[in-house]
């Protein structure tokens, strides 16, 4: 593994700090044009370092650490866009299932509708948002969500009812949709 200017006697903490300082800005410049969001890039870079650090013992010394971290970042960016695609498709499916009457289909694009729902969902309280995303976007059953989050089925149901009510009221307010 290429550890630039790092002595073998350095502690794990020192080694990680050196690697972070060496590659953080390089990775940021490489990933920013792909994501157009500094916050998302920072999240991706954090995950790159975590994964590289976890795998540090199995990385071959002759391989390029920078190349390895680029590859991790590339895979994380693909996952990010894949997840965004699933969320977009799920939001569209949710819209379609609601069978709402939008005021003028020519004035309100699908992208506007999906963006609005994503913005509304982001305003939900954290636990309600997570329950809604798991049930509606990721198509998890109430039982699966209950097991994963360690909350009762009735709490899951309550979160979904309140989330749908909030989303509907916001859509009615913003798009004057028939509720």
Protein backbone atom coordinates (compact mmCIF):
# COMPACT_ATOMS: atom_id res chain seq x y z
CA UNK A 1 0.00 0.00 0.00
CA UNK A 2 1.38 3.41 -0.81
CA UNK A 3 1.62 5.37 2.41
CA UNK A 4 3.19 8.67 1.39
CA UNK A 5 5.81 9.83 3.85
CA UNK A 6 4.42 7.62 6.62
CA UNK A 7 6.75 5.80 8.93
CA UNK A 8 6.00 2.19 9.80
CA UNK A 9 6.14 3.11 13.49
CA UNK A 10 3.15 5.44 13.37
CA UNK A 11 0.03 4.44 15.26
CA UNK A 12 -3.20 3.52 13.48
CA UNK A 13 -4.63 6.90 14.43
CA UNK A 14 -1.63 8.77 13.02
CA UNK A 15 -1.71 6.66 9.88
CA UNK A 16 -5.40 7.34 9.33
CA UNK A 17 -4.88 11.06 9.91
CA UNK A 18 -2.05 11.17 7.36
CA UNK A 19 -4.08 9.26 4.77
CA UNK A 20 -7.10 11.46 5.36
CA UNK A 21 -5.07 14.65 4.96
CA UNK A 22 -3.32 13.26 1.88
CA UNK A 23 -6.41 12.09 -0.04
CA UNK A 24 -9.45 14.00 1.23
CA UNK A 25 -9.07 17.01 -1.06
CA UNK A 26 -8.02 14.88 -4.05
CA UNK A 27 -11.15 12.74 -3.66
CA UNK A 28 -13.33 15.81 -3.13
CA UNK A 29 -12.15 17.38 -6.40
CA UNK A 30 -12.64 14.08 -8.23
CA UNK A 31 -16.18 13.40 -6.90
CA UNK A 32 -17.71 16.90 -6.83
CA UNK A 33 -18.32 17.13 -10.60
CA UNK A 34 -20.06 13.75 -10.43
CA UNK A 35 -22.43 14.69 -7.61
CA UNK A 36 -22.78 18.51 -7.66
CA UNK A 37 -23.40 18.52 -3.92
CA UNK A 38 -20.55 19.25 -1.50
CA UNK A 39 -22.46 17.63 1.38
CA UNK A 40 -23.08 14.44 -0.58
CA UNK A 41 -19.42 14.36 -1.63
CA UNK A 42 -18.34 14.70 2.02
CA UNK A 43 -20.62 11.79 2.96
CA UNK A 44 -19.23 9.66 0.14
CA UNK A 45 -15.63 10.49 1.10
CA UNK A 46 -16.31 9.61 4.72
CA UNK A 47 -17.66 6.23 3.63
CA UNK A 48 -14.65 5.73 1.30
CA UNK A 49 -12.25 6.20 4.22
CA UNK A 50 -14.26 3.95 6.49
CA UNK A 51 -14.31 1.14 3.91
CA UNK A 52 -10.65 1.56 2.99
CA UNK A 53 -9.68 1.52 6.65
CA UNK A 54 -11.72 -1.60 7.36
CA UNK A 55 -10.05 -3.36 4.41
CA UNK A 56 -6.55 -2.01 5.10
CA UNK A 57 -5.19 -5.43 6.09
CA UNK A 58 -6.23 -7.10 2.82
CA UNK A 59 -5.14 -4.36 0.42
CA UNK A 60 -2.06 -5.52 -1.46
CA UNK A 61 1.00 -3.35 -0.71
CA UNK A 62 1.84 -3.04 -4.42
CA UNK A 63 -1.62 -1.71 -5.30
CA UNK A 64 -2.46 1.97 -5.49
CA UNK A 65 -4.32 3.23 -2.45
CA UNK A 66 -5.56 6.23 -4.41
CA UNK A 67 -6.90 3.96 -7.16
CA UNK A 68 -8.49 1.71 -4.57
CA UNK A 69 -10.22 4.67 -2.93
CA UNK A 70 -11.36 6.00 -6.32
CA UNK A 71 -12.92 2.61 -7.04
CA UNK A 72 -14.70 2.56 -3.67
CA UNK A 73 -15.94 6.10 -4.34
CA UNK A 74 -17.09 5.20 -7.84
CA UNK A 75 -19.09 2.27 -6.47
CA UNK A 76 -20.61 4.44 -3.73
CA UNK A 77 -21.60 7.07 -6.31
CA UNK A 78 -23.25 4.37 -8.45
CA UNK A 79 -25.10 3.17 -5.33
CA UNK A 80 -26.13 6.74 -4.55
CA UNK A 81 -27.62 7.26 -8.03
CA UNK A 82 -29.19 3.80 -7.99
CA UNK A 83 -30.89 4.66 -4.68
CA UNK A 84 -32.02 8.05 -6.04
CA UNK A 85 -33.49 6.24 -9.03
CA UNK A 86 -35.37 3.82 -6.78
CA UNK A 87 -36.65 6.72 -4.68
CA UNK A 88 -37.71 8.59 -7.83
CA UNK A 89 -39.51 5.54 -9.19
CA UNK A 90 -41.10 4.85 -5.81
CA UNK A 91 -42.26 8.44 -5.43
CA UNK A 92 -43.77 8.25 -8.92
CA UNK A 93 -45.47 4.96 -7.99
CA UNK A 94 -46.77 6.55 -4.82
CA UNK A 95 -48.17 9.47 -6.83
CA UNK A 96 -49.80 7.12 -9.28
CA UNK A 97 -51.33 5.04 -6.48
CA UNK A 98 -52.79 8.13 -4.85
CA UNK A 99 -54.82 8.89 -7.98
CA UNK A 100 -54.83 12.56 -7.12
CA UNK A 101 -56.20 15.10 -9.55
CA UNK A 102 -53.44 17.53 -10.37
CA UNK A 103 -54.69 20.97 -11.45
CA UNK A 104 -53.29 21.20 -14.96
CA UNK A 105 -51.18 18.29 -16.13
CA UNK A 106 -49.45 20.53 -18.68
CA UNK A 107 -48.24 22.95 -16.00
CA UNK A 108 -47.09 20.44 -13.37
CA UNK A 109 -44.42 18.03 -14.61
CA UNK A 110 -43.75 14.61 -13.15
CA UNK A 111 -40.39 15.89 -11.96
CA UNK A 112 -42.15 18.73 -10.12
CA UNK A 113 -44.48 16.25 -8.46
CA UNK A 114 -41.71 13.90 -7.40
CA UNK A 115 -39.48 16.76 -6.22
CA UNK A 116 -42.36 18.16 -4.18
CA UNK A 117 -43.06 14.79 -2.54
CA UNK A 118 -39.37 14.30 -1.75
CA UNK A 119 -39.26 17.78 -0.20
CA UNK A 120 -42.40 17.09 1.84
CA UNK A 121 -41.08 13.71 3.00
CA UNK A 122 -37.83 15.38 4.09
CA UNK A 123 -39.90 17.56 6.45
CA UNK A 124 -41.31 14.59 8.35
CA UNK A 125 -39.95 13.85 11.81
CA UNK A 126 -36.92 11.52 11.50
CA UNK A 127 -38.55 8.30 12.67
CA UNK A 128 -41.75 8.88 10.68
CA UNK A 129 -39.64 9.71 7.61
CA UNK A 130 -37.63 6.49 8.00
CA UNK A 131 -40.79 4.39 8.43
CA UNK A 132 -42.39 6.01 5.38
CA UNK A 133 -39.28 5.52 3.22
CA UNK A 134 -38.94 1.88 4.23
CA UNK A 135 -42.61 1.06 3.63
CA UNK A 136 -43.31 3.18 0.56
CA UNK A 137 -39.98 3.62 -1.22
CA UNK A 138 -38.29 0.35 -0.34
CA UNK A 139 -41.54 -1.66 -0.32
CA UNK A 140 -40.83 -3.25 3.08
CA UNK A 141 -43.72 -4.82 4.96
CA UNK A 142 -44.89 -3.33 8.24
CA UNK A 143 -43.52 -6.45 9.99
CA UNK A 144 -40.07 -6.03 8.39
CA UNK A 145 -39.96 -2.37 9.41
CA UNK A 146 -41.18 -3.23 12.91
CA UNK A 147 -38.42 -5.80 13.31
CA UNK A 148 -35.73 -3.52 11.89
CA UNK A 149 -36.68 -0.47 13.93
CA UNK A 150 -37.84 -2.30 17.07
CA UNK A 151 -41.21 -0.56 17.17
CA UNK A 152 -44.71 -1.99 17.20
CA UNK A 153 -46.88 -2.61 14.15
CA UNK A 154 -49.42 -0.11 15.44
CA UNK A 155 -46.67 2.53 15.66
CA UNK A 156 -45.69 1.75 12.06
CA UNK A 157 -49.31 2.10 10.98
CA UNK A 158 -49.65 5.37 12.91
CA UNK A 159 -46.51 6.78 11.27
CA UNK A 160 -47.76 5.84 7.78
CA UNK A 161 -51.22 7.33 8.36
CA UNK A 162 -49.76 10.57 9.72
CA UNK A 163 -47.12 10.77 6.96
CA UNK A 164 -49.73 10.28 4.22
CA UNK A 165 -51.99 12.84 5.83
CA UNK A 166 -49.15 15.36 6.04
CA UNK A 167 -48.09 14.71 2.43
CA UNK A 168 -51.66 15.02 1.19
CA UNK A 169 -52.25 18.28 3.09
CA UNK A 170 -49.01 19.78 1.74
CA UNK A 171 -49.86 18.73 -1.82
CA UNK A 172 -53.35 20.18 -1.48
CA UNK A 173 -51.89 23.42 -0.15
CA UNK A 174 -49.14 23.75 -2.77
CA UNK A 175 -50.77 22.30 -5.88
CA UNK A 176 -54.43 22.72 -4.93
CA UNK A 177 -54.95 19.02 -5.45
CA UNK A 178 -58.36 17.54 -4.75
CA UNK A 179 -57.90 15.72 -1.43
